[in-house]
């Protein structure tokens, strides 16, 4: 078993300013859930193919 030889900081700092920004800008749980549900669509290659074909059709009609 190999021993990890990464360089690590000797100090442990909490960046309160960054935590405040994250806390203020992080979407609500319901928004995150909805976004996760949307990305489930991309988890299936058949769905991706359908979306790709639909995109090409839209692009074709937009450009002609």
N, C-alpha and C. Protein backbone atom coordinates (compact mmCIF):
# COMPACT_ATOMS: atom_id res chain seq x y z
N UNK A 1 0.84 -1.18 0.00
CA UNK A 1 0.00 0.00 0.00
C UNK A 1 0.88 1.24 0.00
N UNK A 2 0.57 2.19 -0.94
CA UNK A 2 1.38 3.40 -1.05
C UNK A 2 0.97 4.44 -0.01
N UNK A 3 1.95 5.18 0.44
CA UNK A 3 1.70 6.27 1.37
C UNK A 3 1.54 7.54 0.56
N UNK A 4 0.51 8.30 0.85
CA UNK A 4 0.25 9.56 0.15
C UNK A 4 1.33 10.57 0.54
N UNK A 5 2.00 11.15 -0.47
CA UNK A 5 3.08 12.10 -0.20
C UNK A 5 2.73 13.48 -0.75
N UNK A 6 1.49 13.90 -0.59
CA UNK A 6 1.07 15.21 -1.06
C UNK A 6 1.56 16.29 -0.11
N UNK A 7 1.79 17.46 -0.70
CA UNK A 7 2.14 18.60 0.14
C UNK A 7 0.86 19.17 0.73
N UNK A 8 0.87 19.42 2.02
CA UNK A 8 -0.30 19.96 2.69
C UNK A 8 0.06 21.24 3.43
N UNK A 9 -0.93 22.12 3.55
CA UNK A 9 -0.73 23.34 4.33
C UNK A 9 -0.58 22.97 5.80
N UNK A 10 0.18 23.75 6.49
CA UNK A 10 0.33 23.52 7.92
C UNK A 10 -0.71 24.29 8.72
N UNK A 11 -1.42 25.19 8.05
CA UNK A 11 -2.44 25.96 8.76
C UNK A 11 -3.83 25.54 8.30
N UNK A 12 -4.78 25.73 9.17
CA UNK A 12 -6.17 25.41 8.87
C UNK A 12 -6.96 26.70 9.06
N UNK A 13 -7.40 27.29 7.95
CA UNK A 13 -8.09 28.57 7.99
C UNK A 13 -9.52 28.43 7.55
N UNK A 14 -10.40 29.15 8.20
CA UNK A 14 -11.79 29.23 7.77
C UNK A 14 -11.97 30.62 7.16
N UNK A 15 -12.35 30.64 5.91
CA UNK A 15 -12.54 31.90 5.20
C UNK A 15 -13.99 32.34 5.35
N UNK A 16 -14.25 33.10 6.39
CA UNK A 16 -15.61 33.53 6.71
C UNK A 16 -16.25 34.30 5.56
N UNK A 17 -15.46 35.12 4.85
CA UNK A 17 -16.01 35.92 3.74
C UNK A 17 -16.50 35.00 2.62
N UNK A 18 -15.77 33.95 2.31
CA UNK A 18 -16.19 33.02 1.28
C UNK A 18 -17.41 32.21 1.72
N UNK A 19 -17.43 31.81 2.98
CA UNK A 19 -18.59 31.08 3.49
C UNK A 19 -19.86 31.93 3.42
N UNK A 20 -19.71 33.23 3.69
CA UNK A 20 -20.86 34.13 3.64
C UNK A 20 -21.38 34.24 2.20
N UNK A 21 -20.47 34.36 1.23
CA UNK A 21 -20.86 34.45 -0.18
C UNK A 21 -21.59 33.18 -0.60
N UNK A 22 -21.04 32.04 -0.24
CA UNK A 22 -21.68 30.77 -0.59
C UNK A 22 -23.06 30.68 0.05
N UNK A 23 -23.15 31.04 1.31
CA UNK A 23 -24.42 30.96 2.03
C UNK A 23 -25.47 31.87 1.40
N UNK A 24 -25.05 33.05 0.95
CA UNK A 24 -25.99 34.02 0.37
C UNK A 24 -26.40 33.67 -1.06
N UNK A 25 -25.55 32.96 -1.79
CA UNK A 25 -25.83 32.71 -3.20
C UNK A 25 -26.27 31.29 -3.52
N UNK A 26 -26.13 30.38 -2.59
CA UNK A 26 -26.53 29.00 -2.82
C UNK A 26 -28.04 28.94 -3.01
N UNK A 27 -28.51 28.33 -4.10
CA UNK A 27 -29.96 28.25 -4.33
C UNK A 27 -30.65 27.43 -3.24
N UNK A 28 -31.95 27.64 -3.15
CA UNK A 28 -32.77 26.88 -2.19
C UNK A 28 -32.74 25.40 -2.55
N UNK A 29 -33.05 24.56 -1.58
CA UNK A 29 -33.02 23.11 -1.78
C UNK A 29 -33.96 22.68 -2.91
N UNK A 30 -35.12 23.32 -3.01
CA UNK A 30 -36.07 22.95 -4.06
C UNK A 30 -35.52 23.25 -5.45
N UNK A 31 -34.82 24.36 -5.58
CA UNK A 31 -34.19 24.69 -6.87
C UNK A 31 -33.10 23.68 -7.22
N UNK A 32 -32.31 23.30 -6.24
CA UNK A 32 -31.26 22.31 -6.47
C UNK A 32 -31.86 20.96 -6.86
N UNK A 33 -32.95 20.60 -6.22
CA UNK A 33 -33.63 19.35 -6.54
C UNK A 33 -34.14 19.37 -7.97
N UNK A 34 -34.78 20.49 -8.37
CA UNK A 34 -35.29 20.61 -9.73
C UNK A 34 -34.16 20.54 -10.75
N UNK A 35 -33.05 21.16 -10.45
CA UNK A 35 -31.90 21.12 -11.35
C UNK A 35 -31.35 19.70 -11.46
N UNK A 36 -31.30 18.99 -10.35
CA UNK A 36 -30.84 17.60 -10.38
C UNK A 36 -31.78 16.74 -11.22
N UNK A 37 -33.08 16.98 -11.12
CA UNK A 37 -34.05 16.25 -11.92
C UNK A 37 -33.84 16.53 -13.41
N UNK A 38 -33.55 17.79 -13.74
CA UNK A 38 -33.29 18.15 -15.14
C UNK A 38 -32.07 17.40 -15.66
N UNK A 39 -31.03 17.33 -14.87
CA UNK A 39 -29.80 16.67 -15.32
C UNK A 39 -29.96 15.15 -15.43
N UNK A 40 -30.97 14.59 -14.77
CA UNK A 40 -31.23 13.16 -14.95
C UNK A 40 -31.57 12.84 -16.39
N UNK A 41 -32.16 13.81 -17.08
CA UNK A 41 -32.51 13.63 -18.49
C UNK A 41 -31.26 13.31 -19.31
N UNK A 42 -30.15 13.90 -18.94
CA UNK A 42 -28.92 13.71 -19.70
C UNK A 42 -28.20 12.42 -19.34
N UNK A 43 -28.73 11.66 -18.40
CA UNK A 43 -28.09 10.43 -17.96
C UNK A 43 -28.37 9.23 -18.86
N UNK A 44 -29.23 9.40 -19.84
CA UNK A 44 -29.61 8.30 -20.71
C UNK A 44 -29.22 8.66 -22.14
N UNK A 45 -28.45 7.82 -22.79
CA UNK A 45 -27.95 8.14 -24.13
C UNK A 45 -29.08 8.25 -25.15
N UNK A 46 -30.16 7.50 -24.97
CA UNK A 46 -31.29 7.61 -25.90
C UNK A 46 -31.91 9.00 -25.80
N UNK A 47 -32.06 9.49 -24.60
CA UNK A 47 -32.61 10.83 -24.42
C UNK A 47 -31.69 11.89 -25.03
N UNK A 48 -30.41 11.70 -24.87
CA UNK A 48 -29.45 12.64 -25.46
C UNK A 48 -29.58 12.63 -26.98
N UNK A 49 -29.73 11.45 -27.57
CA UNK A 49 -29.91 11.37 -29.03
C UNK A 49 -31.17 12.12 -29.47
N UNK A 50 -32.24 11.93 -28.74
CA UNK A 50 -33.49 12.62 -29.08
C UNK A 50 -33.30 14.13 -28.98
N UNK A 51 -32.70 14.60 -27.89
CA UNK A 51 -32.45 16.03 -27.73
C UNK A 51 -31.54 16.56 -28.83
N UNK A 52 -30.55 15.78 -29.22
CA UNK A 52 -29.62 16.20 -30.27
C UNK A 52 -30.35 16.35 -31.60
N UNK A 53 -31.18 15.38 -31.94
CA UNK A 53 -31.94 15.44 -33.19
C UNK A 53 -32.90 16.62 -33.17
N UNK A 54 -33.57 16.83 -32.06
CA UNK A 54 -34.46 17.98 -31.96
C UNK A 54 -33.70 19.29 -32.11
N UNK A 55 -32.52 19.35 -31.53
CA UNK A 55 -31.69 20.54 -31.67
C UNK A 55 -31.30 20.77 -33.13
N UNK A 56 -30.91 19.70 -33.82
CA UNK A 56 -30.54 19.83 -35.23
C UNK A 56 -31.72 20.28 -36.08
N UNK A 57 -32.90 19.77 -35.79
CA UNK A 57 -34.10 20.19 -36.53
C UNK A 57 -34.37 21.67 -36.29
N UNK A 58 -34.29 22.09 -35.05
CA UNK A 58 -34.47 23.51 -34.74
C UNK A 58 -33.43 24.37 -35.46
N UNK A 59 -32.20 23.93 -35.41
CA UNK A 59 -31.12 24.68 -36.06
C UNK A 59 -31.35 24.76 -37.56
N UNK A 60 -31.78 23.66 -38.16
CA UNK A 60 -32.03 23.61 -39.60
C UNK A 60 -33.10 24.64 -39.99
N UNK A 61 -34.21 24.64 -39.24
CA UNK A 61 -35.29 25.56 -39.58
C UNK A 61 -34.94 27.01 -39.24
N UNK A 62 -34.10 27.19 -38.27
CA UNK A 62 -33.67 28.55 -37.92
C UNK A 62 -32.76 29.13 -39.01
N UNK A 63 -31.89 28.28 -39.58
CA UNK A 63 -30.92 28.75 -40.57
C UNK A 63 -31.48 28.80 -41.99
N UNK A 64 -32.62 28.16 -42.22
CA UNK A 64 -33.16 28.20 -43.59
C UNK A 64 -34.29 29.17 -43.73
